[in-house]
Structures are given as C-alpha cells and as structure tokens.
Amino acid sequence: MVAARRGFEGTLPLSSMERLREVLCDTEGEIGYVIAFDRDALQVPYVELRVQAALPLTCQRSLQRFVQPVQLVQRLALLEAGTDVEAAEAGLPEGYEALLVPPDGTVQPAELIEDELILAVPVVPVAPGSEAVEQDWPLPGTEAGEELEKANPFAALAALKKRE
C-alpha cells in the first residue's frame, strides 16, 4: 500500500465497532474516514487517518444522551515487527505515532479507526453546557448544623447524661 501510495475513503457503521460500543450509549450513526498510505520526505512509511464521527455518549452529570463530535487526523509511522519501538519513536518526525506492523505485513484499517476513536472518547463524558452540580454543606454550629444535632437521637441521650 505504501509503495503504491494507496488511499481509501468511506463510512463504517458505529455498530461494527465492538470495542467502541462498550463506551457508547447506543450505536446509531456512521463514521466517515479517509486513509492514505505514503512515505514522507525522510522516507518514513506512514498511514494517515482522517476520521469524522458523532459519538453518542451518556453525560455523567445529567445521565442524558448527547452526541460528541469527533474530527481527528493521525499520522502513524509503520514500523516492521521486531523493531525496537522506543528507539524508533525517538527518531520519528514530530506529529507521528508508532504503529508496529505484524510480520505478515497486514494493517486492519477498521481497527486503526476504532483505536483512534476509543482514544478520542473523554474519560468522563460531560455534555457541553451542562451545569456542574455543587452542594453547599452546612458548617457545624450553623443553623442547619444545629437542626441536625436536634434530629440526632443520641443528642437526647447526651442531654440525659448531663442532667445526672
């Protein structure tokens, strides 16, 4: 693919992404992608991914469904199996990530797309515009704190003990 400078363009259903489905609230929608294989000016073989998706996630503040738009461009340097990854990564141009190619030389584009989308999902999904839930807890000795003491069943026992 690199020697022929091949490229692919298309769409994939979200439902086809088994690992990604675990973090989605449903699988409605499609992923648009463009994949290009080539060599850069330093003769580093790479695959470039351009991915557009609308990921349905569950907001952790409101527990409501929302759609997270994702647009990403990722350039992956293709490294042969058995390559010392740390040394190879140190020699890569800026903006490249390393991708070890299996010994048979095959690259699964759908898996690459899925990997990048999994990395694009926020650790804690929060819908834009949702308000943070904040609680003001009363300090001991304030009116609300005194009410809590009165409601405490052990406060009555403490009062009986003081009388004795």
Foldseek 3Di string as FASTA:
>chain_A
DAVVFDKDWDKDFQVVLVVLCVFAPDGPWIKTKMWTWYADPVRFTKIKIWIWTWTWGQAPAPRDTDTDTDTDIAIEGEDEPPDPLVVVVVPDDPRYHYDYAYNVRDDDVVVVVSVVVVVVDDPHDHDPPDDDDDDDDDDQPDPVNVVVLVVDPVNVVVVVVVVD
